[in-house]
Every structure is written in C-alpha cells, then in structure tokens.
C-alpha cells in the first residue's frame, strides 16, 4: 500500500479517499485510535493543533507506523514542530504562505484550505498538494462540480460537515477525498477510548463512501 512520505505527494488519496480529522480534548492512546480507524478502513489520520499536546500524539502514532498528519497549522513554527514529531502531511484551514514554505523546505505535502475560486488558484500557486474546500457543507456537493470546470486537475478535499449521509455525493461531484470528523471520531468517544465504537463508525463511513448500505 502506498505510503505518504516527505518525497511523495498526496496521490495516495486516490486509493484511500478518507481522512479522519481528530479534534478532542483528550486522546488516551493515539496509536490505538489510529489502529481502530484502520480496522474500519480509514488509514489516514489528521490530528489538529486544537488538541492539547498534539505533537506527543503525533509521536506516538507515527512511531507505531501509522500514516498521520496534522491540521489547523497556522505558522511555520507549528509546521516544523509537526514534521519533527512525525507528521507526513500538513493541513491548513486557509491559505498560509509561511506554512506552505515550511512544508516545501521539509519535503512534506501540504493541503491548503480555500473556498473561493480565487483562493483555490492561490493555494495551487503556493504549491499545495491538494486543496481543502472548507466549509464544504455550506456550499454542498454541487460546488465541487462547479470548481471542476476551471480546475479539472486540482485535487480537491471536502472538509467541514461531511458525514456518512453526504460523503458519497461529494466524491461523485469531484472531490478527490473527504474529511471525516465528528461523524467518525466524536470528541467524547475518543476521550473515552472507545475504540470499538470508533471502528464501527469508520466502517459505516467507508461503506457509505463506496455507496454501500449500512
């Protein structure tokens, strides 16, 4: 299976189009969380800087051999700390030139956040391996079809309000990948360490992405 690394882009998303985005006040075991997600078919996990001690979670998960990245990266310093902790990709909520520069210097792919066509173009100019459209729910799956007109070759990732009920529609309308948030990794379930429930939710989500009934 293709690995994300400092020498690759995010073409792995073509085979694994789901990224679990974890925002939780507490993560008892980041490696176990990633294993539970993988058991349910989600092999890419994005921790975020909104979680306390995120670099420690990255270290634990990356040392276990899991493919992990970090999101809500706003500064070059955060980008450098994340890479040092084992992040194999970076994600921003908006276009952040200094993060893009730090990612390029480290040889790590970056997914830059955007919403408008102008912001998508800016993200591409900054060297984004993919562009995260956020908040995706606000504009819906049809917006991705519209963006595909002027940007047929730009890898787009749907983030924000994506769930098992609409994920397949985002993929069908042009998203290369989708971000699974609280629908798969609710903060309270993560904090409780209920890995069986995380696996159950991941399986439902990946089945929905494939157009399979639960």
N, C-alpha and C. Protein backbone atom coordinates (compact mmCIF):
# COMPACT_ATOMS: atom_id res chain seq x y z
N UNK A 1 0.85 -1.20 0.00
CA UNK A 1 0.00 0.00 0.00
C UNK A 1 0.88 1.24 0.00
N UNK A 2 0.53 2.25 -0.79
CA UNK A 2 1.34 3.45 -0.92
C UNK A 2 1.46 4.19 0.40
N UNK A 3 2.67 4.62 0.72
CA UNK A 3 2.91 5.35 1.95
C UNK A 3 3.07 6.84 1.66
N UNK A 4 2.53 7.66 2.52
CA UNK A 4 2.82 9.08 2.47
C UNK A 4 4.22 9.29 3.04
N UNK A 5 5.01 10.11 2.42
CA UNK A 5 6.33 10.41 2.95
C UNK A 5 6.73 11.78 2.47
N UNK A 6 7.88 12.24 2.94
CA UNK A 6 8.37 13.56 2.55
C UNK A 6 8.72 13.63 1.08
N UNK A 7 8.76 12.49 0.39
CA UNK A 7 9.14 12.51 -1.02
C UNK A 7 7.97 12.23 -1.94
N UNK A 8 6.75 12.18 -1.40
CA UNK A 8 5.58 11.90 -2.23
C UNK A 8 4.57 13.01 -2.12
N UNK A 9 3.64 13.03 -3.08
CA UNK A 9 2.52 13.95 -2.98
C UNK A 9 1.36 13.21 -2.30
N UNK A 10 0.16 13.69 -2.50
CA UNK A 10 -0.99 13.05 -1.85
C UNK A 10 -1.78 12.19 -2.82
N UNK A 11 -1.10 11.59 -3.80
CA UNK A 11 -1.79 10.72 -4.73
C UNK A 11 -2.39 9.51 -4.04
N UNK A 12 -1.92 9.21 -2.83
CA UNK A 12 -2.50 8.11 -2.05
C UNK A 12 -4.00 8.30 -1.84
N UNK A 13 -4.47 9.54 -1.88
CA UNK A 13 -5.88 9.81 -1.68
C UNK A 13 -6.75 9.22 -2.78
N UNK A 14 -6.16 8.93 -3.92
CA UNK A 14 -6.95 8.31 -4.99
C UNK A 14 -7.36 6.89 -4.61
N UNK A 15 -6.56 6.25 -3.79
CA UNK A 15 -6.87 4.90 -3.34
C UNK A 15 -7.56 4.89 -1.97
N UNK A 16 -7.26 5.90 -1.17
CA UNK A 16 -7.83 5.97 0.17
C UNK A 16 -8.41 7.38 0.37
N UNK A 17 -9.65 7.59 -0.06
CA UNK A 17 -10.20 8.93 -0.13
C UNK A 17 -10.84 9.46 1.15
N UNK A 18 -10.43 8.93 2.31
CA UNK A 18 -11.00 9.41 3.57
C UNK A 18 -9.87 9.75 4.54
N UNK A 19 -9.95 10.93 5.12
CA UNK A 19 -9.02 11.34 6.18
C UNK A 19 -9.85 11.56 7.44
N UNK A 20 -9.51 10.87 8.51
CA UNK A 20 -10.18 11.09 9.79
C UNK A 20 -9.54 12.30 10.47
N UNK A 21 -10.36 13.29 10.81
CA UNK A 21 -9.86 14.51 11.44
C UNK A 21 -10.26 14.49 12.91
N UNK A 22 -9.25 14.42 13.77
CA UNK A 22 -9.50 14.25 15.21
C UNK A 22 -9.36 15.59 15.93
N UNK A 23 -10.46 16.00 16.54
CA UNK A 23 -10.44 17.17 17.44
C UNK A 23 -11.05 16.71 18.75
N UNK A 24 -10.22 16.54 19.76
CA UNK A 24 -10.71 16.02 21.03
C UNK A 24 -9.93 16.67 22.18
N UNK A 25 -10.59 16.86 23.32
CA UNK A 25 -9.89 17.46 24.45
C UNK A 25 -8.87 16.51 25.07
N UNK A 26 -9.04 15.21 24.76
CA UNK A 26 -8.13 14.21 25.34
C UNK A 26 -8.08 13.00 24.42
N UNK A 27 -6.86 12.51 24.19
CA UNK A 27 -6.68 11.29 23.41
C UNK A 27 -5.86 10.33 24.27
N UNK A 28 -6.47 9.30 24.83
CA UNK A 28 -5.75 8.42 25.75
C UNK A 28 -4.64 7.62 25.10
N UNK A 29 -4.79 7.26 23.81
CA UNK A 29 -3.77 6.46 23.13
C UNK A 29 -3.91 6.71 21.62
N UNK A 30 -3.07 7.58 21.09
CA UNK A 30 -3.18 7.97 19.69
C UNK A 30 -2.92 6.79 18.75
N UNK A 31 -1.99 5.91 19.12
CA UNK A 31 -1.70 4.76 18.28
C UNK A 31 -2.89 3.82 18.23
N UNK A 32 -3.54 3.61 19.37
CA UNK A 32 -4.72 2.74 19.42
C UNK A 32 -5.88 3.35 18.63
N UNK A 33 -6.00 4.67 18.68
CA UNK A 33 -7.03 5.36 17.91
C UNK A 33 -6.82 5.13 16.42
N UNK A 34 -5.59 5.30 15.96
CA UNK A 34 -5.29 5.09 14.53
C UNK A 34 -5.53 3.64 14.14
N UNK A 35 -5.20 2.72 15.02
CA UNK A 35 -5.43 1.30 14.73
C UNK A 35 -6.92 1.01 14.61
N UNK A 36 -7.72 1.62 15.48
CA UNK A 36 -9.17 1.43 15.42
C UNK A 36 -9.75 1.98 14.13
N UNK A 37 -9.25 3.12 13.70
CA UNK A 37 -9.70 3.69 12.43
C UNK A 37 -9.30 2.80 11.26
N UNK A 38 -8.07 2.30 11.28
CA UNK A 38 -7.61 1.43 10.21
C UNK A 38 -8.43 0.14 10.15
N UNK A 39 -8.83 -0.35 11.31
CA UNK A 39 -9.67 -1.56 11.35
C UNK A 39 -10.99 -1.31 10.63
N UNK A 40 -11.43 -0.05 10.67
CA UNK A 40 -12.67 0.31 9.99
C UNK A 40 -12.47 0.80 8.57
N UNK A 41 -11.24 0.78 8.09
CA UNK A 41 -10.98 1.13 6.70
C UNK A 41 -10.45 2.52 6.45
N UNK A 42 -10.16 3.28 7.52
CA UNK A 42 -9.61 4.63 7.36
C UNK A 42 -8.15 4.62 7.80
N UNK A 43 -7.25 4.80 6.86
CA UNK A 43 -5.82 4.66 7.14
C UNK A 43 -5.06 5.98 7.24
N UNK A 44 -5.74 7.08 7.02
CA UNK A 44 -5.11 8.40 7.15
C UNK A 44 -5.77 9.16 8.29
N UNK A 45 -4.96 9.61 9.23
CA UNK A 45 -5.49 10.33 10.38
C UNK A 45 -4.83 11.70 10.48
N UNK A 46 -5.66 12.72 10.66
CA UNK A 46 -5.18 14.09 10.85
C UNK A 46 -5.48 14.53 12.27
N UNK A 47 -4.43 14.70 13.07
CA UNK A 47 -4.59 15.32 14.38
C UNK A 47 -4.56 16.84 14.16
N UNK A 48 -4.96 17.60 15.14
CA UNK A 48 -5.03 19.05 14.93
C UNK A 48 -4.42 19.81 16.09
N UNK A 49 -3.99 21.02 15.78
CA UNK A 49 -3.41 21.87 16.81
C UNK A 49 -4.44 22.39 17.82
N UNK A 50 -5.70 22.09 17.63
CA UNK A 50 -6.71 22.43 18.63
C UNK A 50 -6.77 21.39 19.74
N UNK A 51 -6.03 20.30 19.59
CA UNK A 51 -5.96 19.25 20.62
C UNK A 51 -4.73 19.48 21.49
N UNK A 52 -4.88 19.48 22.80
CA UNK A 52 -3.72 19.65 23.68
C UNK A 52 -2.65 18.59 23.43
N UNK A 53 -1.38 19.00 23.50
CA UNK A 53 -0.25 18.08 23.37
C UNK A 53 -0.27 17.31 22.05
N UNK A 54 -0.67 17.97 20.99
CA UNK A 54 -0.83 17.26 19.71
C UNK A 54 0.47 16.64 19.22
N UNK A 55 1.62 17.28 19.48
CA UNK A 55 2.86 16.71 18.98
C UNK A 55 3.19 15.39 19.68
N UNK A 56 2.80 15.26 20.93
CA UNK A 56 3.02 13.99 21.63
C UNK A 56 2.17 12.88 21.02
N UNK A 57 0.95 13.21 20.63
CA UNK A 57 0.09 12.23 19.98
C UNK A 57 0.66 11.84 18.61
N UNK A 58 1.19 12.82 17.90
CA UNK A 58 1.81 12.54 16.61
C UNK A 58 2.99 11.59 16.76
N UNK A 59 3.81 11.85 17.77
CA UNK A 59 4.97 11.00 18.00
C UNK A 59 4.55 9.56 18.26
N UNK A 60 3.58 9.38 19.13
CA UNK A 60 3.14 8.03 19.48
C UNK A 60 2.56 7.32 18.26
N UNK A 61 1.71 8.02 17.51
CA UNK A 61 1.05 7.40 16.36
C UNK A 61 2.04 7.12 15.24
N UNK A 62 2.93 8.05 14.96
CA UNK A 62 3.89 7.86 13.86
C UNK A 62 4.87 6.74 14.17
N UNK A 63 5.26 6.60 15.44
CA UNK A 63 6.19 5.53 15.82
C UNK A 63 5.55 4.15 15.69
N UNK A 64 4.21 4.13 15.69
CA UNK A 64 3.52 2.85 15.53
C UNK A 64 3.38 2.46 14.06
N UNK A 65 3.88 3.33 13.18
CA UNK A 65 3.84 3.04 11.75
C UNK A 65 2.60 3.54 11.05
N UNK A 66 1.76 4.31 11.74
CA UNK A 66 0.53 4.82 11.14
C UNK A 66 0.81 6.05 10.30
N UNK A 67 -0.03 6.28 9.30
CA UNK A 67 0.09 7.46 8.45
C UNK A 67 -0.69 8.61 9.08
N UNK A 68 0.02 9.58 9.60
CA UNK A 68 -0.61 10.66 10.33
C UNK A 68 -0.13 12.02 9.84
N UNK A 69 -1.02 12.98 9.92
CA UNK A 69 -0.68 14.36 9.60
C UNK A 69 -1.20 15.26 10.70
N UNK A 70 -1.03 16.54 10.50
CA UNK A 70 -1.54 17.49 11.49
C UNK A 70 -2.25 18.63 10.77
N UNK A 71 -3.37 19.06 11.35
CA UNK A 71 -4.16 20.13 10.76
C UNK A 71 -4.24 21.35 11.64
N UNK A 72 -4.97 22.35 11.16
CA UNK A 72 -5.06 23.66 11.81
C UNK A 72 -3.66 24.23 12.02
N UNK A 73 -2.80 24.03 11.02
CA UNK A 73 -1.44 24.57 11.07
C UNK A 73 -1.50 26.01 10.57
N UNK A 74 -1.09 26.93 11.42
CA UNK A 74 -1.20 28.36 11.09
C UNK A 74 0.14 29.06 10.91
N UNK A 75 1.21 28.48 11.45
CA UNK A 75 2.51 29.14 11.40
C UNK A 75 3.60 28.18 10.93
N UNK A 76 4.70 28.76 10.48
CA UNK A 76 5.85 27.95 10.07
C UNK A 76 6.40 27.16 11.24
N UNK A 77 6.40 27.76 12.41
CA UNK A 77 6.91 27.07 13.59
C UNK A 77 6.06 25.85 13.92
N UNK A 78 4.75 25.97 13.83
CA UNK A 78 3.88 24.82 14.05
C UNK A 78 4.17 23.73 13.01
N UNK A 79 4.38 24.14 11.77
CA UNK A 79 4.68 23.18 10.71
C UNK A 79 5.97 22.42 11.02
N UNK A 80 7.00 23.14 11.45
CA UNK A 80 8.27 22.49 11.75
C UNK A 80 8.13 21.52 12.92
N UNK A 81 7.42 21.93 13.96
CA UNK A 81 7.23 21.05 15.12
C UNK A 81 6.47 19.79 14.73
N UNK A 82 5.48 19.95 13.88
CA UNK A 82 4.68 18.80 13.45
C UNK A 82 5.53 17.80 12.66
N UNK A 83 6.35 18.31 11.75
CA UNK A 83 7.21 17.43 10.95
C UNK A 83 8.21 16.71 11.85
N UNK A 84 8.77 17.42 12.81
CA UNK A 84 9.71 16.81 13.74
C UNK A 84 9.05 15.71 14.56
N UNK A 85 7.75 15.85 14.80
CA UNK A 85 7.01 14.85 15.59
C UNK A 85 6.53 13.69 14.75
N UNK A 86 6.76 13.74 13.44
CA UNK A 86 6.41 12.61 12.60
C UNK A 86 5.25 12.82 11.65
N UNK A 87 4.75 14.05 11.53
CA UNK A 87 3.66 14.31 10.59
C UNK A 87 4.14 14.11 9.16
N UNK A 88 3.38 13.34 8.37
CA UNK A 88 3.76 13.09 6.99
C UNK A 88 2.98 13.97 6.01
N UNK A 89 2.06 14.77 6.53
CA UNK A 89 1.40 15.79 5.72
C UNK A 89 0.85 16.86 6.65
N UNK A 90 0.66 18.06 6.11
CA UNK A 90 0.17 19.20 6.87
C UNK A 90 -1.11 19.72 6.23
N UNK A 91 -2.00 20.27 7.07
CA UNK A 91 -3.27 20.80 6.58
C UNK A 91 -3.53 22.15 7.25
N UNK A 92 -3.98 23.11 6.44
CA UNK A 92 -4.30 24.43 6.98
C UNK A 92 -5.78 24.74 6.76
N UNK A 93 -6.36 25.62 7.59
CA UNK A 93 -7.76 26.00 7.38
C UNK A 93 -7.94 27.01 6.27
N UNK A 94 -6.87 27.69 5.87
CA UNK A 94 -6.91 28.70 4.82
C UNK A 94 -5.55 28.77 4.15
N UNK A 95 -5.37 29.65 3.20
CA UNK A 95 -4.09 29.79 2.51
C UNK A 95 -3.07 30.42 3.46
N UNK A 96 -2.03 29.67 3.79
CA UNK A 96 -1.00 30.13 4.72
C UNK A 96 0.36 30.02 4.04
N UNK A 97 0.83 31.10 3.42
CA UNK A 97 2.09 31.05 2.67
C UNK A 97 3.27 30.54 3.49
N UNK A 98 3.39 30.96 4.75
CA UNK A 98 4.55 30.55 5.53
C UNK A 98 4.52 29.06 5.85
N UNK A 99 3.32 28.50 5.98
CA UNK A 99 3.20 27.05 6.19
C UNK A 99 3.58 26.31 4.92
N UNK A 100 3.13 26.83 3.78
CA UNK A 100 3.49 26.21 2.50
C UNK A 100 5.01 26.22 2.31
N UNK A 101 5.65 27.32 2.67
CA UNK A 101 7.11 27.41 2.54
C UNK A 101 7.81 26.41 3.46
N UNK A 102 7.33 26.30 4.70
CA UNK A 102 7.93 25.36 5.65
C UNK A 102 7.74 23.92 5.19
N UNK A 103 6.57 23.62 4.63
CA UNK A 103 6.30 22.28 4.13
C UNK A 103 7.23 21.94 2.97
N UNK A 104 7.41 22.89 2.07
CA UNK A 104 8.29 22.67 0.92
C UNK A 104 9.73 22.45 1.38
N UNK A 105 10.15 23.22 2.37
CA UNK A 105 11.51 23.09 2.88
C UNK A 105 11.73 21.72 3.52
N UNK A 106 10.68 21.18 4.14
CA UNK A 106 10.77 19.88 4.79
C UNK A 106 10.49 18.72 3.85
N UNK A 107 10.00 19.03 2.65
CA UNK A 107 9.65 17.98 1.70
C UNK A 107 8.41 17.23 2.06
N UNK A 108 7.48 17.91 2.75
CA UNK A 108 6.24 17.29 3.20
C UNK A 108 5.07 17.90 2.44
N UNK A 109 4.14 17.09 1.93
CA UNK A 109 2.99 17.66 1.21
C UNK A 109 2.08 18.46 2.14
N UNK A 110 1.50 19.51 1.60
CA UNK A 110 0.60 20.36 2.38
C UNK A 110 -0.73 20.48 1.65
N UNK A 111 -1.81 20.39 2.42
CA UNK A 111 -3.17 20.61 1.93
C UNK A 111 -3.60 21.97 2.43
N UNK A 112 -3.73 22.93 1.53
CA UNK A 112 -4.08 24.29 1.93
C UNK A 112 -5.59 24.50 1.83
N UNK A 113 -6.15 25.17 2.83
CA UNK A 113 -7.57 25.44 2.85
C UNK A 113 -7.95 26.59 1.93
N UNK A 114 -9.13 26.48 1.31
CA UNK A 114 -9.63 27.52 0.41
C UNK A 114 -11.14 27.39 0.32
N UNK A 115 -11.78 28.38 -0.27
CA UNK A 115 -13.22 28.30 -0.51
C UNK A 115 -13.57 28.83 -1.90
N UNK A 116 -13.12 30.02 -2.21
CA UNK A 116 -13.47 30.64 -3.49
C UNK A 116 -12.54 30.17 -4.60
N UNK A 117 -12.96 30.35 -5.86
CA UNK A 117 -12.06 30.02 -6.98
C UNK A 117 -10.73 30.75 -6.91
N UNK A 118 -10.75 32.01 -6.47
CA UNK A 118 -9.51 32.77 -6.35
C UNK A 118 -8.59 32.15 -5.31
N UNK A 119 -9.16 31.71 -4.19
CA UNK A 119 -8.35 31.08 -3.14
C UNK A 119 -7.80 29.73 -3.59
N UNK A 120 -8.57 29.00 -4.39
CA UNK A 120 -8.07 27.74 -4.93
C UNK A 120 -6.84 27.99 -5.80
N UNK A 121 -6.91 29.01 -6.65
CA UNK A 121 -5.78 29.35 -7.50
C UNK A 121 -4.57 29.75 -6.67
N UNK A 122 -4.81 30.51 -5.60
CA UNK A 122 -3.72 30.95 -4.73
C UNK A 122 -3.06 29.74 -4.06
N UNK A 123 -3.88 28.79 -3.60
CA UNK A 123 -3.35 27.59 -2.96
C UNK A 123 -2.48 26.80 -3.92
N UNK A 124 -2.94 26.69 -5.15
CA UNK A 124 -2.15 25.98 -6.18
C UNK A 124 -0.82 26.69 -6.41
N UNK A 125 -0.86 28.01 -6.49
CA UNK A 125 0.35 28.79 -6.71
C UNK A 125 1.35 28.62 -5.56
N UNK A 126 0.82 28.38 -4.35
CA UNK A 126 1.68 28.21 -3.18
C UNK A 126 2.27 26.80 -3.10
N UNK A 127 1.85 25.92 -4.00
CA UNK A 127 2.42 24.58 -4.03
C UNK A 127 1.63 23.52 -3.30
N UNK A 128 0.33 23.75 -3.09
CA UNK A 128 -0.49 22.77 -2.38
C UNK A 128 -0.54 21.45 -3.13
N UNK A 129 -0.36 20.35 -2.40
CA UNK A 129 -0.50 19.02 -3.00
C UNK A 129 -1.97 18.72 -3.26
N UNK A 130 -2.84 19.33 -2.45
CA UNK A 130 -4.30 19.25 -2.63
C UNK A 130 -4.88 20.49 -1.98
N UNK A 131 -6.11 20.81 -2.35
CA UNK A 131 -6.77 21.99 -1.80
C UNK A 131 -8.01 21.55 -1.03
N UNK A 132 -8.07 21.94 0.24
CA UNK A 132 -9.21 21.61 1.10
C UNK A 132 -10.27 22.68 0.96
N UNK A 133 -11.46 22.28 0.51
CA UNK A 133 -12.57 23.22 0.41
C UNK A 133 -13.33 23.18 1.73
N UNK A 134 -13.30 24.31 2.43
CA UNK A 134 -13.87 24.41 3.78
C UNK A 134 -14.60 25.74 3.94
N UNK A 135 -15.82 25.71 4.50
CA UNK A 135 -16.59 24.55 4.93
C UNK A 135 -17.41 23.98 3.78
N UNK A 136 -17.22 22.71 3.49
CA UNK A 136 -17.86 22.07 2.34
C UNK A 136 -19.38 22.03 2.47
N UNK A 137 -19.86 21.81 3.67
CA UNK A 137 -21.31 21.69 3.88
C UNK A 137 -22.05 22.97 3.48
N UNK A 138 -21.41 24.10 3.65
CA UNK A 138 -22.07 25.37 3.38
C UNK A 138 -22.44 25.53 1.91
N UNK A 139 -21.67 24.91 1.02
CA UNK A 139 -21.92 25.05 -0.42
C UNK A 139 -22.42 23.77 -1.06
N UNK A 140 -22.19 22.64 -0.41
CA UNK A 140 -22.74 21.38 -0.89
C UNK A 140 -21.92 20.71 -1.98
N UNK A 141 -22.26 19.45 -2.30
CA UNK A 141 -21.52 18.69 -3.29
C UNK A 141 -21.48 19.34 -4.68
N UNK A 142 -22.57 20.04 -5.08
CA UNK A 142 -22.61 20.64 -6.40
C UNK A 142 -21.51 21.67 -6.62
N UNK A 143 -21.04 22.28 -5.54
CA UNK A 143 -19.98 23.28 -5.65
C UNK A 143 -18.70 22.66 -6.19
N UNK A 144 -18.47 21.40 -5.84
CA UNK A 144 -17.26 20.72 -6.33
C UNK A 144 -17.33 20.50 -7.84
N UNK A 145 -18.53 20.20 -8.33
CA UNK A 145 -18.70 20.06 -9.77
C UNK A 145 -18.43 21.40 -10.47
N UNK A 146 -18.87 22.49 -9.85
CA UNK A 146 -18.61 23.82 -10.42
C UNK A 146 -17.12 24.13 -10.45
N UNK A 147 -16.41 23.80 -9.37
CA UNK A 147 -14.97 24.06 -9.32
C UNK A 147 -14.20 23.21 -10.32
N UNK A 148 -14.73 22.04 -10.62
CA UNK A 148 -14.06 21.17 -11.56
C UNK A 148 -14.01 21.79 -12.97
N UNK A 149 -14.92 22.71 -13.27
CA UNK A 149 -14.89 23.39 -14.57
C UNK A 149 -13.58 24.09 -14.82
N UNK A 150 -13.24 25.11 -14.02
CA UNK A 150 -11.97 25.81 -14.24
C UNK A 150 -10.75 25.07 -13.70
N UNK A 151 -10.97 24.13 -12.77
CA UNK A 151 -9.84 23.43 -12.14
C UNK A 151 -9.99 21.91 -12.26
N UNK A 152 -9.97 21.37 -13.48
CA UNK A 152 -10.20 19.93 -13.65
C UNK A 152 -9.11 19.05 -13.07
N UNK A 153 -7.91 19.60 -12.90
CA UNK A 153 -6.79 18.78 -12.46
C UNK A 153 -6.35 19.07 -11.03
N UNK A 154 -7.06 19.95 -10.33
CA UNK A 154 -6.68 20.28 -8.96
C UNK A 154 -7.32 19.28 -7.99
N UNK A 155 -6.54 18.58 -7.18
CA UNK A 155 -7.11 17.65 -6.20
C UNK A 155 -7.85 18.43 -5.11
N UNK A 156 -9.14 18.18 -4.99
CA UNK A 156 -9.96 18.88 -4.01
C UNK A 156 -10.38 17.94 -2.88
N UNK A 157 -10.35 18.43 -1.66
CA UNK A 157 -10.73 17.66 -0.49
C UNK A 157 -11.90 18.37 0.20
N UNK A 158 -12.98 17.64 0.44
CA UNK A 158 -14.14 18.22 1.10
C UNK A 158 -13.99 18.10 2.61
N UNK A 159 -14.12 19.23 3.30
CA UNK A 159 -13.96 19.24 4.76
C UNK A 159 -14.97 20.17 5.39
N UNK A 160 -15.52 19.73 6.51
CA UNK A 160 -16.47 20.57 7.24
C UNK A 160 -17.90 20.14 6.98
N UNK A 161 -18.49 19.40 7.90
CA UNK A 161 -19.87 18.97 7.74
C UNK A 161 -20.05 17.75 6.85
N UNK A 162 -18.97 17.03 6.59
CA UNK A 162 -19.08 15.82 5.78
C UNK A 162 -19.44 14.65 6.70
N UNK A 163 -20.44 13.86 6.31
CA UNK A 163 -20.86 12.73 7.12
C UNK A 163 -21.22 11.55 6.21
N UNK A 164 -21.64 10.46 6.84
CA UNK A 164 -21.96 9.25 6.06
C UNK A 164 -23.12 9.49 5.10
N UNK A 165 -23.94 10.48 5.40
CA UNK A 165 -25.09 10.74 4.54
C UNK A 165 -24.77 11.53 3.28
N UNK A 166 -23.65 12.27 3.28
CA UNK A 166 -23.36 13.09 2.10
C UNK A 166 -21.97 12.85 1.50
N UNK A 167 -21.15 12.02 2.14
CA UNK A 167 -19.77 11.82 1.68
C UNK A 167 -19.72 11.32 0.24
N UNK A 168 -20.55 10.34 -0.09
CA UNK A 168 -20.53 9.78 -1.45
C UNK A 168 -20.87 10.84 -2.49
N UNK A 169 -21.76 11.76 -2.14
CA UNK A 169 -22.15 12.81 -3.08
C UNK A 169 -20.98 13.75 -3.35
N UNK A 170 -20.21 14.09 -2.31
CA UNK A 170 -19.03 14.94 -2.52
C UNK A 170 -18.03 14.26 -3.45
N UNK A 171 -17.81 12.97 -3.24
CA UNK A 171 -16.87 12.23 -4.09
C UNK A 171 -17.40 12.14 -5.52
N UNK A 172 -18.68 11.92 -5.67
CA UNK A 172 -19.28 11.79 -7.00
C UNK A 172 -19.24 13.10 -7.77
N UNK A 173 -19.23 14.23 -7.06
CA UNK A 173 -19.27 15.54 -7.72
C UNK A 173 -17.88 16.16 -7.89
N UNK A 174 -16.82 15.40 -7.62
CA UNK A 174 -15.50 15.91 -7.94
C UNK A 174 -14.49 16.00 -6.83
N UNK A 175 -14.87 15.70 -5.59
CA UNK A 175 -13.88 15.70 -4.52
C UNK A 175 -13.00 14.47 -4.65
N UNK A 176 -11.69 14.65 -4.54
CA UNK A 176 -10.78 13.52 -4.56
C UNK A 176 -10.88 12.74 -3.27
N UNK A 177 -11.12 13.47 -2.17
CA UNK A 177 -11.20 12.84 -0.85
C UNK A 177 -12.12 13.66 0.04
N UNK A 178 -12.51 13.05 1.15
CA UNK A 178 -13.35 13.74 2.13
C UNK A 178 -12.73 13.60 3.51
N UNK A 179 -13.03 14.56 4.37
CA UNK A 179 -12.58 14.52 5.76
C UNK A 179 -13.72 14.05 6.65
N UNK A 180 -13.45 13.02 7.44
CA UNK A 180 -14.44 12.50 8.39
C UNK A 180 -14.13 13.06 9.77
N UNK A 181 -15.05 13.88 10.27
CA UNK A 181 -14.84 14.50 11.57
C UNK A 181 -15.65 13.82 12.66
N UNK A 182 -16.55 14.58 13.27
CA UNK A 182 -17.28 14.06 14.42
C UNK A 182 -18.20 12.90 14.07
N UNK A 183 -18.51 12.71 12.81
CA UNK A 183 -19.33 11.57 12.42
C UNK A 183 -18.61 10.25 12.70
N UNK A 184 -17.28 10.29 12.67
CA UNK A 184 -16.48 9.08 12.91
C UNK A 184 -15.71 9.16 14.22
N UNK A 185 -15.21 10.33 14.56
CA UNK A 185 -14.39 10.47 15.77
C UNK A 185 -14.98 11.55 16.70
N UNK A 186 -16.16 11.29 17.29
CA UNK A 186 -16.73 12.26 18.22
C UNK A 186 -15.77 12.49 19.39
N UNK A 187 -15.59 13.73 19.82
CA UNK A 187 -14.62 14.01 20.89
C UNK A 187 -14.84 13.18 22.15
N UNK A 188 -16.10 12.98 22.55
CA UNK A 188 -16.34 12.24 23.79
C UNK A 188 -15.99 10.76 23.63
N UNK A 189 -16.23 10.20 22.46
CA UNK A 189 -15.91 8.79 22.22
C UNK A 189 -14.39 8.60 22.19
N UNK A 190 -13.68 9.55 21.55
CA UNK A 190 -12.22 9.50 21.52
C UNK A 190 -11.66 9.61 22.93
N UNK A 191 -12.16 10.58 23.69
CA UNK A 191 -11.66 10.81 25.05
C UNK A 191 -11.90 9.59 25.94
N UNK A 192 -12.98 8.87 25.68
CA UNK A 192 -13.30 7.69 26.47
C UNK A 192 -12.49 6.47 26.04
N UNK A 193 -11.82 6.57 24.91
CA UNK A 193 -11.03 5.44 24.42
C UNK A 193 -11.89 4.27 23.97
N UNK A 194 -13.06 4.57 23.44
CA UNK A 194 -13.97 3.51 22.98
C UNK A 194 -13.60 3.15 21.54
N UNK A 195 -12.56 2.35 21.41
CA UNK A 195 -12.02 2.05 20.09
C UNK A 195 -12.96 1.19 19.26
N UNK A 196 -13.73 0.33 19.90
CA UNK A 196 -14.69 -0.49 19.15
C UNK A 196 -15.73 0.39 18.47
N UNK A 197 -16.17 1.43 19.15
CA UNK A 197 -17.15 2.35 18.58
C UNK A 197 -16.53 3.15 17.43
N UNK A 198 -15.28 3.53 17.59
CA UNK A 198 -14.59 4.25 16.51
C UNK A 198 -14.50 3.36 15.26
N UNK A 199 -14.16 2.09 15.45
CA UNK A 199 -14.09 1.16 14.32
C UNK A 199 -15.45 1.01 13.66
N UNK A 200 -16.49 0.90 14.47
CA UNK A 200 -17.84 0.75 13.92
C UNK A 200 -18.21 1.96 13.07
N UNK A 201 -17.92 3.14 13.57
CA UNK A 201 -18.25 4.37 12.85
C UNK A 201 -17.42 4.48 11.56
N UNK A 202 -16.15 4.09 11.63
CA UNK A 202 -15.30 4.15 10.45
C UNK A 202 -15.82 3.21 9.36
N UNK A 203 -16.25 2.03 9.75
CA UNK A 203 -16.78 1.08 8.78
C UNK A 203 -18.04 1.62 8.10
N UNK A 204 -18.91 2.22 8.88
CA UNK A 204 -20.13 2.80 8.31
C UNK A 204 -19.80 3.91 7.33
N UNK A 205 -18.83 4.73 7.70
CA UNK A 205 -18.46 5.87 6.85
C UNK A 205 -17.84 5.38 5.54
N UNK A 206 -16.90 4.46 5.62
CA UNK A 206 -16.25 3.99 4.40
C UNK A 206 -17.23 3.23 3.51
N UNK A 207 -18.16 2.51 4.12
CA UNK A 207 -19.19 1.83 3.33
C UNK A 207 -20.06 2.83 2.60
N UNK A 208 -20.41 3.92 3.29
CA UNK A 208 -21.23 4.97 2.68
C UNK A 208 -20.48 5.62 1.52
N UNK A 209 -19.18 5.83 1.67
CA UNK A 209 -18.39 6.43 0.59
C UNK A 209 -18.40 5.53 -0.65
N UNK A 210 -18.47 4.24 -0.42
CA UNK A 210 -18.47 3.29 -1.53
C UNK A 210 -19.88 3.05 -2.07
N UNK A 211 -20.85 3.77 -1.50
CA UNK A 211 -22.22 3.61 -1.96
C UNK A 211 -22.90 2.37 -1.45
N UNK A 212 -22.39 1.82 -0.35
CA UNK A 212 -22.96 0.61 0.22
C UNK A 212 -23.90 0.95 1.37
N UNK A 213 -25.03 0.28 1.42
CA UNK A 213 -25.98 0.49 2.51
C UNK A 213 -25.40 -0.06 3.79
N UNK A 214 -25.67 0.59 4.95
CA UNK A 214 -25.16 0.09 6.23
C UNK A 214 -25.75 -1.26 6.58
